[in-house]
Amino acid sequence: MDSAWDRLLELVEHLATDPGVPLDAQTEGRLSHLAAEAVEDRHIDIELHVPDVTRWLAGLVTAHRALRETHGEVDADTELGNLLRIVTRWLHPARPR
């Protein structure tokens, strides 16, 4: 079975690549539910608050959609990879150095 983290990234990817899917309360509820599970599983930094994570994920998806509309010359797969990398680096717990 996929982890909540995997399902969260899949949802972000789906939302980023299908602008027809609304970023409404129901969608934010799905993001919130998966984020809460991922925090519980420690795939997301436990110092982050789920409502904040949800709001920022929705904002990043909105920004990605706007970027795709205004910069059609940029490769869609590259931009999706950038979005997922930003999300991953932001949400994962810090690694000791």
N, C-alpha and C. Protein backbone atom coordinates (compact mmCIF):
# COMPACT_ATOMS: atom_id res chain seq x y z
N MET A 1 0.84 -1.19 0.00
CA MET A 1 0.00 0.00 0.00
C MET A 1 0.89 1.25 0.00
N ASP A 2 0.48 2.24 -0.78
CA ASP A 2 1.23 3.50 -0.82
C ASP A 2 1.09 4.23 0.50
N SER A 3 2.15 4.95 0.86
CA SER A 3 2.11 5.74 2.08
C SER A 3 1.29 7.01 1.85
N ALA A 4 0.92 7.66 2.94
CA ALA A 4 0.20 8.94 2.83
C ALA A 4 1.06 9.95 2.08
N TRP A 5 2.37 9.89 2.28
CA TRP A 5 3.29 10.79 1.58
C TRP A 5 3.19 10.56 0.06
N ASP A 6 3.21 9.31 -0.35
CA ASP A 6 3.11 9.00 -1.79
C ASP A 6 1.78 9.49 -2.35
N ARG A 7 0.71 9.26 -1.62
CA ARG A 7 -0.61 9.69 -2.08
C ARG A 7 -0.73 11.21 -2.11
N LEU A 8 -0.08 11.89 -1.16
CA LEU A 8 -0.08 13.35 -1.15
C LEU A 8 0.64 13.89 -2.39
N LEU A 9 1.81 13.34 -2.69
CA LEU A 9 2.54 13.79 -3.88
C LEU A 9 1.76 13.49 -5.16
N GLU A 10 1.11 12.35 -5.21
CA GLU A 10 0.27 12.02 -6.38
C GLU A 10 -0.86 13.02 -6.53
N LEU A 11 -1.47 13.41 -5.42
CA LEU A 11 -2.55 14.39 -5.48
C LEU A 11 -2.03 15.75 -5.94
N VAL A 12 -0.91 16.18 -5.40
CA VAL A 12 -0.31 17.46 -5.82
C VAL A 12 -0.01 17.42 -7.31
N GLU A 13 0.57 16.31 -7.77
CA GLU A 13 0.87 16.17 -9.19
C GLU A 13 -0.41 16.24 -10.03
N HIS A 14 -1.44 15.54 -9.60
CA HIS A 14 -2.72 15.55 -10.32
C HIS A 14 -3.30 16.96 -10.38
N LEU A 15 -3.29 17.65 -9.26
CA LEU A 15 -3.83 19.01 -9.21
C LEU A 15 -3.01 19.97 -10.07
N ALA A 16 -1.70 19.76 -10.10
CA ALA A 16 -0.83 20.64 -10.87
C ALA A 16 -1.00 20.43 -12.37
N THR A 17 -1.28 19.21 -12.77
CA THR A 17 -1.34 18.90 -14.20
C THR A 17 -2.75 18.96 -14.78
N ASP A 18 -3.76 19.06 -13.93
CA ASP A 18 -5.13 19.14 -14.42
C ASP A 18 -5.82 20.38 -13.84
N PRO A 19 -5.67 21.52 -14.53
CA PRO A 19 -6.27 22.75 -14.01
C PRO A 19 -7.79 22.72 -13.95
N GLY A 20 -8.40 21.69 -14.51
CA GLY A 20 -9.85 21.55 -14.44
C GLY A 20 -10.34 21.09 -13.07
N VAL A 21 -9.43 20.54 -12.27
CA VAL A 21 -9.80 20.09 -10.93
C VAL A 21 -9.79 21.32 -10.02
N PRO A 22 -10.93 21.64 -9.39
CA PRO A 22 -10.98 22.84 -8.56
C PRO A 22 -10.18 22.68 -7.27
N LEU A 23 -9.60 23.78 -6.84
CA LEU A 23 -8.93 23.81 -5.53
C LEU A 23 -9.94 24.35 -4.52
N ASP A 24 -10.95 23.55 -4.26
CA ASP A 24 -12.04 23.95 -3.38
C ASP A 24 -11.86 23.33 -2.00
N ALA A 25 -12.85 23.52 -1.15
CA ALA A 25 -12.78 23.01 0.22
C ALA A 25 -12.63 21.50 0.25
N GLN A 26 -13.29 20.80 -0.65
CA GLN A 26 -13.19 19.34 -0.68
C GLN A 26 -11.76 18.91 -1.04
N THR A 27 -11.17 19.56 -2.02
CA THR A 27 -9.80 19.23 -2.42
C THR A 27 -8.83 19.56 -1.30
N GLU A 28 -9.01 20.72 -0.67
CA GLU A 28 -8.14 21.07 0.45
C GLU A 28 -8.33 20.09 1.60
N GLY A 29 -9.53 19.57 1.77
CA GLY A 29 -9.76 18.55 2.79
C GLY A 29 -8.96 17.28 2.52
N ARG A 30 -8.88 16.89 1.25
CA ARG A 30 -8.07 15.72 0.88
C ARG A 30 -6.60 15.99 1.15
N LEU A 31 -6.13 17.19 0.77
CA LEU A 31 -4.73 17.56 1.04
C LEU A 31 -4.46 17.52 2.54
N SER A 32 -5.38 18.07 3.32
CA SER A 32 -5.22 18.14 4.77
C SER A 32 -5.17 16.74 5.39
N HIS A 33 -6.07 15.88 4.96
CA HIS A 33 -6.12 14.51 5.49
C HIS A 33 -4.80 13.78 5.21
N LEU A 34 -4.32 13.87 3.98
CA LEU A 34 -3.07 13.19 3.63
C LEU A 34 -1.87 13.82 4.34
N ALA A 35 -1.88 15.14 4.47
CA ALA A 35 -0.79 15.81 5.18
C ALA A 35 -0.76 15.37 6.65
N ALA A 36 -1.92 15.27 7.27
CA ALA A 36 -1.99 14.84 8.67
C ALA A 36 -1.44 13.42 8.83
N GLU A 37 -1.81 12.54 7.92
CA GLU A 37 -1.29 11.17 7.98
C GLU A 37 0.22 11.15 7.78
N ALA A 38 0.71 11.97 6.85
CA ALA A 38 2.15 11.99 6.57
C ALA A 38 2.93 12.57 7.74
N VAL A 39 2.35 13.54 8.45
CA VAL A 39 2.99 14.06 9.66
C VAL A 39 3.04 12.95 10.71
N GLU A 40 1.93 12.26 10.87
CA GLU A 40 1.86 11.16 11.84
C GLU A 40 2.90 10.08 11.54
N ASP A 41 3.11 9.81 10.25
CA ASP A 41 4.10 8.82 9.83
C ASP A 41 5.52 9.37 9.81
N ARG A 42 5.64 10.68 10.10
CA ARG A 42 6.92 11.39 10.12
C ARG A 42 7.58 11.51 8.75
N HIS A 43 6.74 11.50 7.71
CA HIS A 43 7.25 11.80 6.36
C HIS A 43 7.26 13.30 6.13
N ILE A 44 6.47 14.03 6.93
CA ILE A 44 6.46 15.49 6.92
C ILE A 44 6.96 15.94 8.28
N ASP A 45 7.77 16.98 8.27
CA ASP A 45 8.34 17.55 9.49
C ASP A 45 7.24 17.80 10.52
N ILE A 46 7.39 17.24 11.71
CA ILE A 46 6.35 17.34 12.74
C ILE A 46 6.22 18.76 13.30
N GLU A 47 7.18 19.64 13.01
CA GLU A 47 7.08 21.02 13.47
C GLU A 47 6.15 21.85 12.58
N LEU A 48 5.78 21.30 11.44
CA LEU A 48 4.86 22.01 10.54
C LEU A 48 3.42 21.71 10.95
N HIS A 49 2.57 22.69 10.83
CA HIS A 49 1.16 22.54 11.19
C HIS A 49 0.35 22.21 9.94
N VAL A 50 -0.50 21.21 10.06
CA VAL A 50 -1.25 20.70 8.91
C VAL A 50 -2.06 21.79 8.19
N PRO A 51 -2.76 22.69 8.90
CA PRO A 51 -3.48 23.73 8.16
C PRO A 51 -2.55 24.62 7.32
N ASP A 52 -1.35 24.88 7.85
CA ASP A 52 -0.38 25.68 7.10
C ASP A 52 0.11 24.91 5.88
N VAL A 53 0.41 23.63 6.07
CA VAL A 53 0.87 22.79 4.96
C VAL A 53 -0.20 22.75 3.87
N THR A 54 -1.45 22.57 4.27
CA THR A 54 -2.55 22.50 3.32
C THR A 54 -2.67 23.80 2.52
N ARG A 55 -2.65 24.91 3.22
CA ARG A 55 -2.78 26.22 2.58
C ARG A 55 -1.64 26.47 1.60
N TRP A 56 -0.41 26.14 2.01
CA TRP A 56 0.75 26.35 1.14
C TRP A 56 0.76 25.40 -0.04
N LEU A 57 0.34 24.17 0.14
CA LEU A 57 0.27 23.26 -1.00
C LEU A 57 -0.74 23.77 -2.03
N ALA A 58 -1.89 24.22 -1.56
CA ALA A 58 -2.89 24.77 -2.48
C ALA A 58 -2.33 26.01 -3.19
N GLY A 59 -1.60 26.83 -2.46
CA GLY A 59 -0.99 28.02 -3.06
C GLY A 59 0.08 27.68 -4.08
N LEU A 60 0.89 26.67 -3.78
CA LEU A 60 1.92 26.26 -4.73
C LEU A 60 1.31 25.67 -5.99
N VAL A 61 0.25 24.90 -5.84
CA VAL A 61 -0.43 24.36 -7.03
C VAL A 61 -1.02 25.50 -7.85
N THR A 62 -1.63 26.48 -7.19
CA THR A 62 -2.18 27.64 -7.89
C THR A 62 -1.08 28.38 -8.64
N ALA A 63 0.06 28.58 -7.98
CA ALA A 63 1.19 29.26 -8.62
C ALA A 63 1.71 28.46 -9.80
N HIS A 64 1.78 27.15 -9.66
CA HIS A 64 2.25 26.29 -10.76
C HIS A 64 1.31 26.41 -11.96
N ARG A 65 0.01 26.40 -11.70
CA ARG A 65 -0.96 26.54 -12.79
C ARG A 65 -0.78 27.89 -13.50
N ALA A 66 -0.59 28.95 -12.73
CA ALA A 66 -0.40 30.28 -13.32
C ALA A 66 0.90 30.32 -14.13
N LEU A 67 1.94 29.71 -13.61
CA LEU A 67 3.22 29.67 -14.31
C LEU A 67 3.08 28.95 -15.64
N ARG A 68 2.34 27.85 -15.66
CA ARG A 68 2.14 27.10 -16.90
C ARG A 68 1.36 27.93 -17.92
N GLU A 69 0.42 28.73 -17.44
CA GLU A 69 -0.36 29.58 -18.35
C GLU A 69 0.48 30.70 -18.94
N THR A 70 1.33 31.29 -18.14
CA THR A 70 2.08 32.47 -18.59
C THR A 70 3.43 32.15 -19.20
N HIS A 71 3.93 30.95 -18.99
CA HIS A 71 5.24 30.56 -19.53
C HIS A 71 5.13 29.22 -20.26
N GLY A 72 4.34 29.20 -21.30
CA GLY A 72 4.13 27.98 -22.06
C GLY A 72 5.37 27.46 -22.75
N GLU A 73 6.38 28.32 -22.88
CA GLU A 73 7.62 27.90 -23.53
C GLU A 73 8.48 26.98 -22.65
N VAL A 74 8.19 26.94 -21.36
CA VAL A 74 8.96 26.11 -20.44
C VAL A 74 8.38 24.69 -20.46
N ASP A 75 9.26 23.71 -20.46
CA ASP A 75 8.84 22.30 -20.51
C ASP A 75 7.96 21.95 -19.31
N ALA A 76 6.78 21.40 -19.58
CA ALA A 76 5.82 21.07 -18.53
C ALA A 76 6.37 20.04 -17.55
N ASP A 77 7.07 19.02 -18.05
CA ASP A 77 7.62 17.99 -17.17
C ASP A 77 8.70 18.57 -16.25
N THR A 78 9.51 19.47 -16.80
CA THR A 78 10.55 20.11 -15.99
C THR A 78 9.92 20.91 -14.86
N GLU A 79 8.89 21.68 -15.20
CA GLU A 79 8.24 22.50 -14.17
C GLU A 79 7.53 21.65 -13.12
N LEU A 80 6.93 20.55 -13.54
CA LEU A 80 6.31 19.65 -12.57
C LEU A 80 7.37 19.06 -11.65
N GLY A 81 8.49 18.66 -12.21
CA GLY A 81 9.59 18.15 -11.39
C GLY A 81 10.08 19.19 -10.39
N ASN A 82 10.16 20.44 -10.84
CA ASN A 82 10.57 21.52 -9.93
C ASN A 82 9.58 21.68 -8.79
N LEU A 83 8.29 21.66 -9.11
CA LEU A 83 7.26 21.78 -8.07
C LEU A 83 7.38 20.65 -7.05
N LEU A 84 7.49 19.43 -7.52
CA LEU A 84 7.57 18.28 -6.60
C LEU A 84 8.84 18.31 -5.77
N ARG A 85 9.94 18.78 -6.35
CA ARG A 85 11.20 18.90 -5.61
C ARG A 85 11.07 19.96 -4.51
N ILE A 86 10.46 21.09 -4.84
CA ILE A 86 10.25 22.15 -3.85
C ILE A 86 9.38 21.63 -2.70
N VAL A 87 8.29 20.96 -3.02
CA VAL A 87 7.39 20.42 -2.00
C VAL A 87 8.13 19.41 -1.12
N THR A 88 8.88 18.52 -1.75
CA THR A 88 9.59 17.48 -1.00
C THR A 88 10.62 18.08 -0.06
N ARG A 89 11.41 19.02 -0.56
CA ARG A 89 12.46 19.61 0.28
C ARG A 89 11.88 20.46 1.40
N TRP A 90 10.74 21.06 1.16
CA TRP A 90 10.12 21.90 2.17
C TRP A 90 9.49 21.05 3.28
N LEU A 91 8.84 19.96 2.91
CA LEU A 91 8.06 19.21 3.89
C LEU A 91 8.82 18.14 4.65
N HIS A 92 9.82 17.55 4.03
CA HIS A 92 10.54 16.48 4.72
C HIS A 92 11.27 17.00 5.94
N PRO A 93 11.37 16.17 6.97
CA PRO A 93 12.12 16.59 8.16
C PRO A 93 13.57 16.91 7.79
N ALA A 94 14.13 17.86 8.52
CA ALA A 94 15.53 18.23 8.29
C ALA A 94 16.44 17.04 8.61
N ARG A 95 17.46 16.90 7.82
CA ARG A 95 18.44 15.83 8.07
C ARG A 95 19.61 16.41 8.86
N PRO A 96 20.10 15.66 9.83
CA PRO A 96 21.27 16.15 10.58
C PRO A 96 22.47 16.27 9.64
N ARG A 97 23.27 17.26 9.88
CA ARG A 97 24.47 17.46 9.05
C ARG A 97 25.70 17.11 9.82
